[in-house]
Amino acid sequence: MSEIAIRITGLQVRAGQRQLLEIAQLVVHHGERVAIVGPNGAGKSTLLRVLAGFMPARQGAMCVLGREFGPDVGATLGARGWRSLRAEVGQVMQGLHLVARLTARENVILGALARPGGMPLWRSWLRLYPAALVDEAERALRELGVASLADTRADHLSGGERQKVGIARLRLQAPRLILADEPTSALDPRATIEVCQALRATAAHATLLTVVHNPELLPLLADRVIGLAGGRVVFDVDVKDATPDRLTEFYAQARPLRSVDQGAAWPVKADDDFARRAGTAAARPHCTEITSLP
């Protein structure tokens, strides 16, 4: 059995009386490609934030890349422990956080700040970058097909271009775990495919956990699919078993979030677009041919 990248035990996350997550146990091994699907409000993004240490749990124990944390763990990571963990966790989030005033090349170089001995922080303040890192950043941009944008400010890039620059930055960071929250949100079809292929290639030697909105992208991004609804794991299957019919039924039966103390229903907004796409895919069995596009 391969090394465990993520282990969750007895996790509960609440916001007031609202139960956001309730996961008894979940294990992800190093090198797995896992997609998380579910209706809006199911807890998908919350799960990524908890794993990255940006949202506290009310109960449970987590182990991410060998670091244990959570209310049920006796010791805390501390500031140094969190910095060490986050250096090994790369993130591709909605509304990607690039530094607007810096060029694409400079944003990519910043990925090296997380690497041990990659680049002293003062060099980034003065914009004095080591030549070796400049070459590495330009190579990453070239591999992603955006070398011509190296000198373009981040706030002048399109959405797809920004995502590619963010993935190039991940390559310089070289994380062991990548958390991606709807990385293709608002991209056109061609940019979507290109970003998915780039993300998977970047995660070749890492573990990839991706929140996926479009079911047709599952073969591109995942070998395993986890369905979340009402903060709970409803299914955990191989990607080949995440069929359009199964996904359509899953969304139709998704339960609302619950009030912990009062037992009232907390509505989950139906992800109608995902359900519609899943239904469309059921009518088009050849939809997985998307993986063969350039």
C-alpha atoms as a PDB file:
ATOM      1  CA  MET A   1       0.000   0.000   0.000  1.00  0.00           C
ATOM      2  CA  SER A   2       1.349   3.457  -0.909  1.00  0.00           C
ATOM      3  CA  GLU A   3       1.979   6.264   1.543  1.00  0.00           C
ATOM      4  CA  ILE A   4      -1.103   7.997   2.943  1.00  0.00           C
ATOM      5  CA  ALA A   5      -1.340  11.639   1.825  1.00  0.00           C
ATOM      6  CA  ILE A   6      -4.627  12.476   3.608  1.00  0.00           C
ATOM      7  CA  ARG A   7      -6.388  10.744   6.484  1.00  0.00           C
ATOM      8  CA  ILE A   8      -9.583  12.114   8.028  1.00  0.00           C
ATOM      9  CA  THR A   9     -11.213  10.616  11.129  1.00  0.00           C
ATOM     10  CA  GLY A  10     -14.443  11.803  12.774  1.00  0.00           C
ATOM     11  CA  LEU A  11     -14.451  15.209  11.096  1.00  0.00           C
ATOM     12  CA  GLN A  12     -17.203  17.704  11.960  1.00  0.00           C
ATOM     13  CA  VAL A  13     -17.231  21.316  10.784  1.00  0.00           C
ATOM     14  CA  ARG A  14     -19.963  23.750  11.766  1.00  0.00           C
ATOM     15  CA  ALA A  15     -20.894  27.362  11.095  1.00  0.00           C
ATOM     16  CA  GLY A  16     -23.213  28.347  13.915  1.00  0.00           C
ATOM     17  CA  GLN A  17     -25.972  25.730  13.942  1.00  0.00           C
ATOM     18  CA  ARG A  18     -25.175  24.610  10.412  1.00  0.00           C
ATOM     19  CA  GLN A  19     -23.293  21.351   9.953  1.00  0.00           C
ATOM     20  CA  LEU A  20     -20.962  21.925   6.988  1.00  0.00           C
ATOM     21  CA  LEU A  21     -19.064  18.637   7.070  1.00  0.00           C
ATOM     22  CA  GLU A  22     -19.517  15.290   8.807  1.00  0.00           C
ATOM     23  CA  ILE A  23     -17.019  12.724   7.515  1.00  0.00           C
ATOM     24  CA  ALA A  24     -16.432   9.580   9.581  1.00  0.00           C
ATOM     25  CA  GLN A  25     -13.351   8.445   7.684  1.00  0.00           C
ATOM     26  CA  LEU A  26     -11.585   9.244   4.440  1.00  0.00           C
ATOM     27  CA  VAL A  27      -8.164   8.177   3.195  1.00  0.00           C
ATOM     28  CA  VAL A  28      -6.311   9.382   0.092  1.00  0.00           C
ATOM     29  CA  HIS A  29      -3.022   7.735  -0.836  1.00  0.00           C
ATOM     30  CA  HIS A  30      -0.029   9.480  -2.348  1.00  0.00           C
ATOM     31  CA  GLY A  31      -0.301   9.815  -6.115  1.00  0.00           C
ATOM     32  CA  GLU A  32      -4.079   9.464  -6.301  1.00  0.00           C
ATOM     33  CA  ARG A  33      -6.144  11.761  -8.509  1.00  0.00           C
ATOM     34  CA  VAL A  34      -9.409  12.415  -6.661  1.00  0.00           C
ATOM     35  CA  ALA A  35     -12.350  14.511  -7.840  1.00  0.00           C
ATOM     36  CA  ILE A  36     -14.993  15.831  -5.436  1.00  0.00           C
ATOM     37  CA  VAL A  37     -18.466  16.429  -6.824  1.00  0.00           C
ATOM     38  CA  GLY A  38     -21.705  17.531  -5.219  1.00  0.00           C
ATOM     39  CA  PRO A  39     -24.441  20.159  -5.188  1.00  0.00           C
ATOM     40  CA  ASN A  40     -23.752  23.747  -4.194  1.00  0.00           C
ATOM     41  CA  GLY A  41     -23.309  23.962  -0.431  1.00  0.00           C
ATOM     42  CA  ALA A  42     -22.321  20.299  -0.097  1.00  0.00           C
ATOM     43  CA  GLY A  43     -19.057  21.142   1.673  1.00  0.00           C
ATOM     44  CA  LYS A  44     -16.612  20.619  -1.209  1.00  0.00           C
ATOM     45  CA  SER A  45     -14.687  23.884  -0.850  1.00  0.00           C
ATOM     46  CA  THR A  46     -14.962  23.663   2.932  1.00  0.00           C
ATOM     47  CA  LEU A  47     -13.164  20.322   2.838  1.00  0.00           C
ATOM     48  CA  LEU A  48     -10.250  21.821   0.897  1.00  0.00           C
ATOM     49  CA  ARG A  49     -10.004  24.738   3.326  1.00  0.00           C
ATOM     50  CA  VAL A  50      -9.957  22.383   6.309  1.00  0.00           C
ATOM     51  CA  LEU A  51      -7.194  20.276   4.747  1.00  0.00           C
ATOM     52  CA  ALA A  52      -5.137  23.404   4.080  1.00  0.00           C
ATOM     53  CA  GLY A  53      -5.630  24.599   7.650  1.00  0.00           C
ATOM     54  CA  PHE A  54      -7.631  27.683   6.723  1.00  0.00           C
ATOM     55  CA  MET A  55     -10.855  26.557   8.425  1.00  0.00           C
ATOM     56  CA  PRO A  56     -11.092  24.986  11.891  1.00  0.00           C
ATOM     57  CA  ALA A  57     -12.918  21.760  12.640  1.00  0.00           C
ATOM     58  CA  ARG A  58     -15.205  21.361  15.649  1.00  0.00           C
ATOM     59  CA  GLN A  59     -14.298  17.723  16.009  1.00  0.00           C
ATOM     60  CA  GLY A  60     -12.014  15.160  14.414  1.00  0.00           C
ATOM     61  CA  ALA A  61      -8.424  14.395  13.493  1.00  0.00           C
ATOM     62  CA  MET A  62      -6.670  15.070  10.195  1.00  0.00           C
ATOM     63  CA  CYS A  63      -3.317  13.888   8.936  1.00  0.00           C
ATOM     64  CA  VAL A  64      -2.000  15.657   5.827  1.00  0.00           C
ATOM     65  CA  LEU A  65       1.427  14.705   4.470  1.00  0.00           C
ATOM     66  CA  GLY A  66       2.355  13.233   7.820  1.00  0.00           C
ATOM     67  CA  ARG A  67       1.277  16.248   9.919  1.00  0.00           C
ATOM     68  CA  GLU A  68      -1.552  15.653  12.367  1.00  0.00           C
ATOM     69  CA  PHE A  69      -3.952  18.369  13.460  1.00  0.00           C
ATOM     70  CA  GLY A  70      -7.527  18.890  14.610  1.00  0.00           C
ATOM     71  CA  PRO A  71      -9.458  19.016  17.921  1.00  0.00           C
ATOM     72  CA  ASP A  72      -8.967  15.290  18.560  1.00  0.00           C
ATOM     73  CA  VAL A  73      -5.183  15.528  18.204  1.00  0.00           C
ATOM     74  CA  GLY A  74      -3.342  16.305  21.423  1.00  0.00           C
ATOM     75  CA  ALA A  75      -0.578  18.533  20.030  1.00  0.00           C
ATOM     76  CA  THR A  76      -0.965  21.479  17.655  1.00  0.00           C
ATOM     77  CA  LEU A  77       1.174  22.141  14.606  1.00  0.00           C
ATOM     78  CA  GLY A  78       2.119  25.669  15.584  1.00  0.00           C
ATOM     79  CA  ALA A  79       3.136  28.449  13.202  1.00  0.00           C
ATOM     80  CA  ARG A  80       6.302  26.704  12.046  1.00  0.00           C
ATOM     81  CA  GLY A  81       4.463  23.435  11.451  1.00  0.00           C
ATOM     82  CA  TRP A  82       1.784  25.137   9.384  1.00  0.00           C
ATOM     83  CA  ARG A  83       4.403  26.950   7.280  1.00  0.00           C
ATOM     84  CA  SER A  84       6.163  23.669   6.655  1.00  0.00           C
ATOM     85  CA  LEU A  85       2.933  21.917   5.642  1.00  0.00           C
ATOM     86  CA  ARG A  86       1.706  24.718   3.389  1.00  0.00           C
ATOM     87  CA  ALA A  87       5.048  24.753   1.593  1.00  0.00           C
ATOM     88  CA  GLU A  88       4.188  21.230   0.425  1.00  0.00           C
ATOM     89  CA  VAL A  89       0.541  21.973  -0.442  1.00  0.00           C
ATOM     90  CA  GLY A  90      -0.157  23.778  -3.714  1.00  0.00           C
ATOM     91  CA  GLN A  91      -3.507  25.434  -4.302  1.00  0.00           C
ATOM     92  CA  VAL A  92      -5.444  26.391  -7.414  1.00  0.00           C
ATOM     93  CA  MET A  93      -8.448  28.307  -6.177  1.00  0.00           C
ATOM     94  CA  GLN A  94     -11.427  30.104  -7.715  1.00  0.00           C
ATOM     95  CA  GLY A  95     -10.362  33.686  -8.415  1.00  0.00           C
ATOM     96  CA  LEU A  96      -6.702  32.644  -8.554  1.00  0.00           C
ATOM     97  CA  HIS A  97      -4.469  34.803  -6.389  1.00  0.00           C
ATOM     98  CA  LEU A  98      -1.746  36.199  -8.635  1.00  0.00           C
ATOM     99  CA  VAL A  99       0.019  39.447  -7.777  1.00  0.00           C
ATOM    100  CA  ALA A 100      -1.651  41.863 -10.194  1.00  0.00           C
ATOM    101  CA  ARG A 101       1.260  44.281 -10.601  1.00  0.00           C
ATOM    102  CA  LEU A 102       3.834  41.557 -11.259  1.00  0.00           C
ATOM    103  CA  THR A 103       4.496  39.955 -14.632  1.00  0.00           C
ATOM    104  CA  ALA A 104       3.585  36.367 -15.438  1.00  0.00           C
ATOM    105  CA  ARG A 105       7.265  35.412 -15.098  1.00  0.00           C
ATOM    106  CA  GLU A 106       7.560  37.034 -11.665  1.00  0.00           C
ATOM    107  CA  ASN A 107       4.386  35.364 -10.409  1.00  0.00           C
ATOM    108  CA  VAL A 108       5.775  31.990 -11.456  1.00  0.00           C
ATOM    109  CA  ILE A 109       9.107  32.663  -9.745  1.00  0.00           C
ATOM    110  CA  LEU A 110       7.247  33.335  -6.479  1.00  0.00           C
ATOM    111  CA  GLY A 111       6.379  29.643  -6.385  1.00  0.00           C
ATOM    112  CA  ALA A 112       9.997  28.980  -5.419  1.00  0.00           C
ATOM    113  CA  LEU A 113       9.499  30.866  -2.127  1.00  0.00           C
ATOM    114  CA  ALA A 114       7.835  27.757  -0.726  1.00  0.00           C
ATOM    115  CA  ARG A 115      10.733  25.468  -1.623  1.00  0.00           C
ATOM    116  CA  PRO A 116      13.396  24.901   1.036  1.00  0.00           C
ATOM    117  CA  GLY A 117      16.308  27.055  -0.060  1.00  0.00           C
ATOM    118  CA  GLY A 118      14.428  28.123  -3.167  1.00  0.00           C
ATOM    119  CA  MET A 119      14.782  31.887  -2.821  1.00  0.00           C
ATOM    120  CA  PRO A 120      15.221  34.292   0.123  1.00  0.00           C
ATOM    121  CA  LEU A 121      12.158  36.455   0.727  1.00  0.00           C
ATOM    122  CA  TRP A 122      14.162  39.691   0.435  1.00  0.00           C
ATOM    123  CA  ARG A 123      14.920  38.910  -3.218  1.00  0.00           C
ATOM    124  CA  SER A 124      11.205  38.908  -4.030  1.00  0.00           C
ATOM    125  CA  TRP A 125      10.770  42.264  -2.262  1.00  0.00           C
ATOM    126  CA  LEU A 126      13.544  43.820  -4.364  1.00  0.00           C
ATOM    127  CA  ARG A 127      12.585  41.825  -7.472  1.00  0.00           C
ATOM    128  CA  LEU A 128      16.126  40.472  -7.698  1.00  0.00           C
ATOM    129  CA  TYR A 129      15.540  36.943  -8.914  1.00  0.00           C
ATOM    130  CA  PRO A 130      18.286  34.320  -9.299  1.00  0.00           C
ATOM    131  CA  ALA A 131      19.037  33.580 -12.949  1.00  0.00           C
ATOM    132  CA  ALA A 132      18.428  29.856 -12.418  1.00  0.00           C
ATOM    133  CA  LEU A 133      14.878  30.546 -11.188  1.00  0.00           C
ATOM    134  CA  VAL A 134      14.207  32.919 -14.086  1.00  0.00           C
ATOM    135  CA  ASP A 135      15.207  30.152 -16.497  1.00  0.00           C
ATOM    136  CA  GLU A 136      13.051  27.646 -14.617  1.00  0.00           C
ATOM    137  CA  ALA A 137      10.038  29.990 -14.694  1.00  0.00           C
ATOM    138  CA  GLU A 138      10.426  30.632 -18.415  1.00  0.00           C
ATOM    139  CA  ARG A 139      10.645  26.901 -19.053  1.00  0.00           C
ATOM    140  CA  ALA A 140       7.432  26.324 -17.085  1.00  0.00           C
ATOM    141  CA  LEU A 141       5.630  29.062 -19.030  1.00  0.00           C
ATOM    142  CA  ARG A 142       6.916  27.617 -22.298  1.00  0.00           C
ATOM    143  CA  GLU A 143       5.687  24.118 -21.397  1.00  0.00           C
ATOM    144  CA  LEU A 144       2.233  25.579 -20.721  1.00  0.00           C
ATOM    145  CA  GLY A 145       2.186  27.472 -24.013  1.00  0.00           C
ATOM    146  CA  VAL A 146       2.253  30.984 -22.538  1.00  0.00           C
ATOM    147  CA  ALA A 147       5.937  31.908 -22.945  1.00  0.00           C
ATOM    148  CA  SER A 148       4.962  34.955 -25.013  1.00  0.00           C
ATOM    149  CA  LEU A 149       3.166  36.372 -21.958  1.00  0.00           C
ATOM    150  CA  ALA A 150       6.183  36.250 -19.652  1.00  0.00           C
ATOM    151  CA  ASP A 151       6.473  40.067 -19.472  1.00  0.00           C
ATOM    152  CA  THR A 152       2.719  40.697 -19.271  1.00  0.00           C
ATOM    153  CA  ARG A 153       1.274  41.919 -15.969  1.00  0.00           C
ATOM    154  CA  ALA A 154      -1.066  39.461 -14.294  1.00  0.00           C
ATOM    155  CA  ASP A 155      -3.970  41.918 -14.361  1.00  0.00           C
ATOM    156  CA  HIS A 156      -3.721  42.028 -18.171  1.00  0.00           C
ATOM    157  CA  LEU A 157      -4.142  38.273 -18.607  1.00  0.00           C
ATOM    158  CA  SER A 158      -7.328  36.412 -19.512  1.00  0.00           C
ATOM    159  CA  GLY A 159      -8.863  33.900 -17.116  1.00  0.00           C
ATOM    160  CA  GLY A 160      -7.344  30.907 -18.898  1.00  0.00           C
ATOM    161  CA  GLU A 161      -3.953  32.596 -19.087  1.00  0.00           C
ATOM    162  CA  ARG A 162      -4.025  33.365 -15.361  1.00  0.00           C
ATOM    163  CA  GLN A 163      -4.829  29.744 -14.546  1.00  0.00           C
ATOM    164  CA  LYS A 164      -1.915  28.551 -16.688  1.00  0.00           C
ATOM    165  CA  VAL A 165       0.419  31.005 -14.966  1.00  0.00           C
ATOM    166  CA  GLY A 166      -0.847  29.724 -11.611  1.00  0.00           C
ATOM    167  CA  ILE A 167      -0.126  26.142 -12.649  1.00  0.00           C
ATOM    168  CA  ALA A 168       3.341  27.167 -13.857  1.00  0.00           C
ATOM    169  CA  ARG A 169       3.878  28.666 -10.391  1.00  0.00           C
ATOM    170  CA  LEU A 170       2.890  25.293  -8.894  1.00  0.00           C
ATOM    171  CA  ARG A 171       5.637  23.675 -10.953  1.00  0.00           C
ATOM    172  CA  LEU A 172       8.248  25.852  -9.276  1.00  0.00           C
ATOM    173  CA  GLN A 173       6.729  25.161  -5.878  1.00  0.00           C
ATOM    174  CA  ALA A 174       6.816  21.392  -6.550  1.00  0.00           C
ATOM    175  CA  PRO A 175       4.159  20.526  -3.915  1.00  0.00           C
ATOM    176  CA  ARG A 176       3.429  16.989  -2.754  1.00  0.00           C
ATOM    177  CA  LEU A 177      -0.330  17.707  -2.570  1.00  0.00           C
ATOM    178  CA  ILE A 178      -2.397  19.929  -4.891  1.00  0.00           C
ATOM    179  CA  LEU A 179      -5.833  21.204  -3.839  1.00  0.00           C
ATOM    180  CA  ALA A 180      -7.782  22.624  -6.776  1.00  0.00           C
ATOM    181  CA  ASP A 181     -11.170  24.295  -6.292  1.00  0.00           C
ATOM    182  CA  GLU A 182     -13.041  24.394  -9.617  1.00  0.00           C
ATOM    183  CA  PRO A 183      -9.864  25.315 -11.537  1.00  0.00           C
ATOM    184  CA  THR A 184     -11.734  25.690 -14.842  1.00  0.00           C
ATOM    185  CA  SER A 185     -14.512  27.964 -13.577  1.00  0.00           C
ATOM    186  CA  ALA A 186     -15.533  30.556 -16.220  1.00  0.00           C
ATOM    187  CA  LEU A 187     -13.078  29.268 -18.861  1.00  0.00           C
ATOM    188  CA  ASP A 188     -13.998  28.587 -22.470  1.00  0.00           C
ATOM    189  CA  PRO A 189     -14.032  24.928 -23.632  1.00  0.00           C
ATOM    190  CA  ARG A 190     -10.568  24.874 -25.175  1.00  0.00           C
ATOM    191  CA  ALA A 191      -8.958  26.688 -22.228  1.00  0.00           C
ATOM    192  CA  THR A 192     -10.756  24.284 -19.889  1.00  0.00           C
ATOM    193  CA  ILE A 193      -9.215  21.236 -21.536  1.00  0.00           C
ATOM    194  CA  GLU A 194      -5.765  22.823 -21.692  1.00  0.00           C
ATOM    195  CA  VAL A 195      -5.848  23.781 -18.011  1.00  0.00           C
ATOM    196  CA  CYS A 196      -7.015  20.286 -16.991  1.00  0.00           C
ATOM    197  CA  GLN A 197      -4.228  18.647 -18.970  1.00  0.00           C
ATOM    198  CA  ALA A 198      -1.649  21.056 -17.535  1.00  0.00           C
ATOM    199  CA  LEU A 199      -2.902  20.492 -13.988  1.00  0.00           C
ATOM    200  CA  ARG A 200      -2.748  16.718 -14.286  1.00  0.00           C
ATOM    201  CA  ALA A 201       0.745  16.864 -15.809  1.00  0.00           C
ATOM    202  CA  THR A 202       1.897  19.142 -12.977  1.00  0.00           C
ATOM    203  CA  ALA A 203       0.526  16.642 -10.451  1.00  0.00           C
ATOM    204  CA  ALA A 204       2.406  13.725 -12.051  1.00  0.00           C
ATOM    205  CA  HIS A 205       4.471  13.177  -8.883  1.00  0.00           C
ATOM    206  CA  ALA A 206       1.952  14.569  -6.399  1.00  0.00           C
ATOM    207  CA  THR A 207      -1.520  13.860  -5.023  1.00  0.00           C
ATOM    208  CA  LEU A 208      -4.331  15.803  -6.705  1.00  0.00           C
ATOM    209  CA  LEU A 209      -7.658  16.656  -5.040  1.00  0.00           C
ATOM    210  CA  THR A 210      -9.988  18.651  -7.295  1.00  0.00           C
ATOM    211  CA  VAL A 211     -13.489  20.063  -6.872  1.00  0.00           C
ATOM    212  CA  VAL A 212     -15.099  19.420 -10.263  1.00  0.00           C
ATOM    213  CA  HIS A 213     -18.164  21.205 -11.598  1.00  0.00           C
ATOM    214  CA  ASN A 214     -18.375  19.668 -15.073  1.00  0.00           C
ATOM    215  CA  PRO A 215     -18.804  15.856 -15.117  1.00  0.00           C
ATOM    216  CA  GLU A 216     -17.244  15.625 -18.567  1.00  0.00           C
ATOM    217  CA  LEU A 217     -13.915  16.661 -17.002  1.00  0.00           C
ATOM    218  CA  LEU A 218     -13.773  13.727 -14.587  1.00  0.00           C
ATOM    219  CA  PRO A 219     -11.723  11.458 -16.909  1.00  0.00           C
ATOM    220  CA  LEU A 220      -9.229  14.288 -17.388  1.00  0.00           C
ATOM    221  CA  LEU A 221      -8.706  15.030 -13.708  1.00  0.00           C
ATOM    222  CA  ALA A 222      -9.455  11.938 -11.684  1.00  0.00           C
ATOM    223  CA  ASP A 223      -9.066   8.210 -11.192  1.00  0.00           C
ATOM    224  CA  ARG A 224     -11.433   8.279  -8.197  1.00  0.00           C
ATOM    225  CA  VAL A 225     -14.611  10.291  -7.563  1.00  0.00           C
ATOM    226  CA  ILE A 226     -16.115  11.233  -4.199  1.00  0.00           C
ATOM    227  CA  GLY A 227     -19.683  12.516  -4.009  1.00  0.00           C
ATOM    228  CA  LEU A 228     -20.513  14.935  -1.181  1.00  0.00           C
ATOM    229  CA  ALA A 229     -24.034  15.972  -0.211  1.00  0.00           C
ATOM    230  CA  GLY A 230     -25.135  17.625   2.999  1.00  0.00           C
ATOM    231  CA  GLY A 231     -21.536  17.538   4.186  1.00  0.00           C
ATOM    232  CA  ARG A 232     -21.366  13.721   4.033  1.00  0.00           C
ATOM    233  CA  VAL A 233     -19.681  11.263   1.676  1.00  0.00           C
ATOM    234  CA  VAL A 234     -22.457   9.655  -0.368  1.00  0.00           C
ATOM    235  CA  PHE A 235     -20.250   7.618  -2.687  1.00  0.00           C
ATOM    236  CA  ASP A 236     -16.555   6.957  -3.267  1.00  0.00           C
ATOM    237  CA  VAL A 237     -15.922   5.123  -6.541  1.00  0.00           C
ATOM    238  CA  ASP A 238     -13.499   4.590  -9.381  1.00  0.00           C
ATOM    239  CA  VAL A 239     -13.949   7.205 -12.105  1.00  0.00           C
ATOM    240  CA  LYS A 240     -15.253   4.589 -14.522  1.00  0.00           C
ATOM    241  CA  ASP A 241     -18.120   3.921 -12.096  1.00  0.00           C
ATOM    242  CA  ALA A 242     -19.077   7.613 -11.878  1.00  0.00           C
ATOM    243  CA  THR A 243     -21.441   7.208 -14.806  1.00  0.00           C
ATOM    244  CA  PRO A 244     -23.752   9.955 -16.049  1.00  0.00           C
ATOM    245  CA  ASP A 245     -26.752   7.965 -14.800  1.00  0.00           C
ATOM    246  CA  ARG A 246     -25.213   7.615 -11.348  1.00  0.00           C
ATOM    247  CA  LEU A 247     -24.400  11.324 -11.156  1.00  0.00           C
ATOM    248  CA  THR A 248     -27.876  12.332 -12.315  1.00  0.00           C
ATOM    249  CA  GLU A 249     -29.475  10.132  -9.627  1.00  0.00           C
ATOM    250  CA  PHE A 250     -27.025  11.461  -7.038  1.00  0.00           C
ATOM    251  CA  TYR A 251     -27.997  15.076  -7.684  1.00  0.00           C
ATOM    252  CA  ALA A 252     -31.684  14.233  -7.740  1.00  0.00           C
ATOM    253  CA  GLN A 253     -31.467  12.601  -4.302  1.00  0.00           C
ATOM    254  CA  ALA A 254     -29.004  15.009  -2.632  1.00  0.00           C
ATOM    255  CA  ARG A 255     -30.188  15.818   0.888  1.00  0.00           C
ATOM    256  CA  PRO A 256     -30.129  19.304   2.432  1.00  0.00           C
ATOM    257  CA  LEU A 257     -27.715  20.361   5.155  1.00  0.00           C
ATOM    258  CA  ARG A 258     -29.041  20.037   8.687  1.00  0.00           C
ATOM    259  CA  SER A 259     -29.363  22.278  11.697  1.00  0.00           C
ATOM    260  CA  VAL A 260     -27.390  20.533  14.424  1.00  0.00           C
ATOM    261  CA  ASP A 261     -29.506  21.514  17.416  1.00  0.00           C
ATOM    262  CA  GLN A 262     -32.903  22.267  15.966  1.00  0.00           C
ATOM    263  CA  GLY A 263     -33.277  19.586  13.327  1.00  0.00           C
ATOM    264  CA  ALA A 264     -34.413  22.148  10.767  1.00  0.00           C
ATOM    265  CA  ALA A 265     -33.669  21.793   7.087  1.00  0.00           C
ATOM    266  CA  TRP A 266     -30.895  23.925   5.621  1.00  0.00           C
ATOM    267  CA  PRO A 267     -31.485  24.017   1.890  1.00  0.00           C
ATOM    268  CA  VAL A 268     -28.720  23.065  -0.487  1.00  0.00           C
ATOM    269  CA  LYS A 269     -29.020  24.921  -3.759  1.00  0.00           C
ATOM    270  CA  ALA A 270     -29.232  22.331  -6.496  1.00  0.00           C
ATOM    271  CA  ASP A 271     -26.297  22.311  -8.883  1.00  0.00           C
ATOM    272  CA  ASP A 272     -28.610  22.373 -11.856  1.00  0.00           C
ATOM    273  CA  ASP A 273     -25.814  22.961 -14.355  1.00  0.00           C
ATOM    274  CA  PHE A 274     -23.895  19.865 -13.203  1.00  0.00           C
ATOM    275  CA  ALA A 275     -27.054  17.765 -13.251  1.00  0.00           C
ATOM    276  CA  ARG A 276     -27.918  19.059 -16.706  1.00  0.00           C
ATOM    277  CA  ARG A 277     -24.433  18.261 -17.986  1.00  0.00           C
ATOM    278  CA  ALA A 278     -24.562  14.792 -16.459  1.00  0.00           C
ATOM    279  CA  GLY A 279     -27.904  14.191 -18.137  1.00  0.00           C
ATOM    280  CA  THR A 280     -26.507  15.423 -21.432  1.00  0.00           C
ATOM    281  CA  ALA A 281     -23.512  13.135 -21.038  1.00  0.00           C
ATOM    282  CA  ALA A 282     -25.854  10.197 -20.497  1.00  0.00           C
ATOM    283  CA  ALA A 283     -27.334  10.927 -23.882  1.00  0.00           C
ATOM    284  CA  ARG A 284     -23.832  11.222 -25.366  1.00  0.00           C
ATOM    285  CA  PRO A 285     -21.828   8.143 -24.313  1.00  0.00           C
ATOM    286  CA  HIS A 286     -18.917   9.374 -26.431  1.00  0.00           C
ATOM    287  CA  CYS A 287     -18.438  12.441 -24.200  1.00  0.00           C
ATOM    288  CA  THR A 288     -15.276  10.990 -22.678  1.00  0.00           C
ATOM    289  CA  GLU A 289     -13.560  11.569 -26.025  1.00  0.00           C
ATOM    290  CA  ILE A 290     -12.824  14.989 -24.611  1.00  0.00           C
ATOM    291  CA  THR A 291      -9.656  13.416 -23.171  1.00  0.00           C
ATOM    292  CA  SER A 292      -8.196  13.068 -26.643  1.00  0.00           C
ATOM    293  CA  LEU A 293      -8.415  16.726 -27.577  1.00  0.00           C
ATOM    294  CA  PRO A 294      -5.142  18.651 -27.833  1.00  0.00           C
END
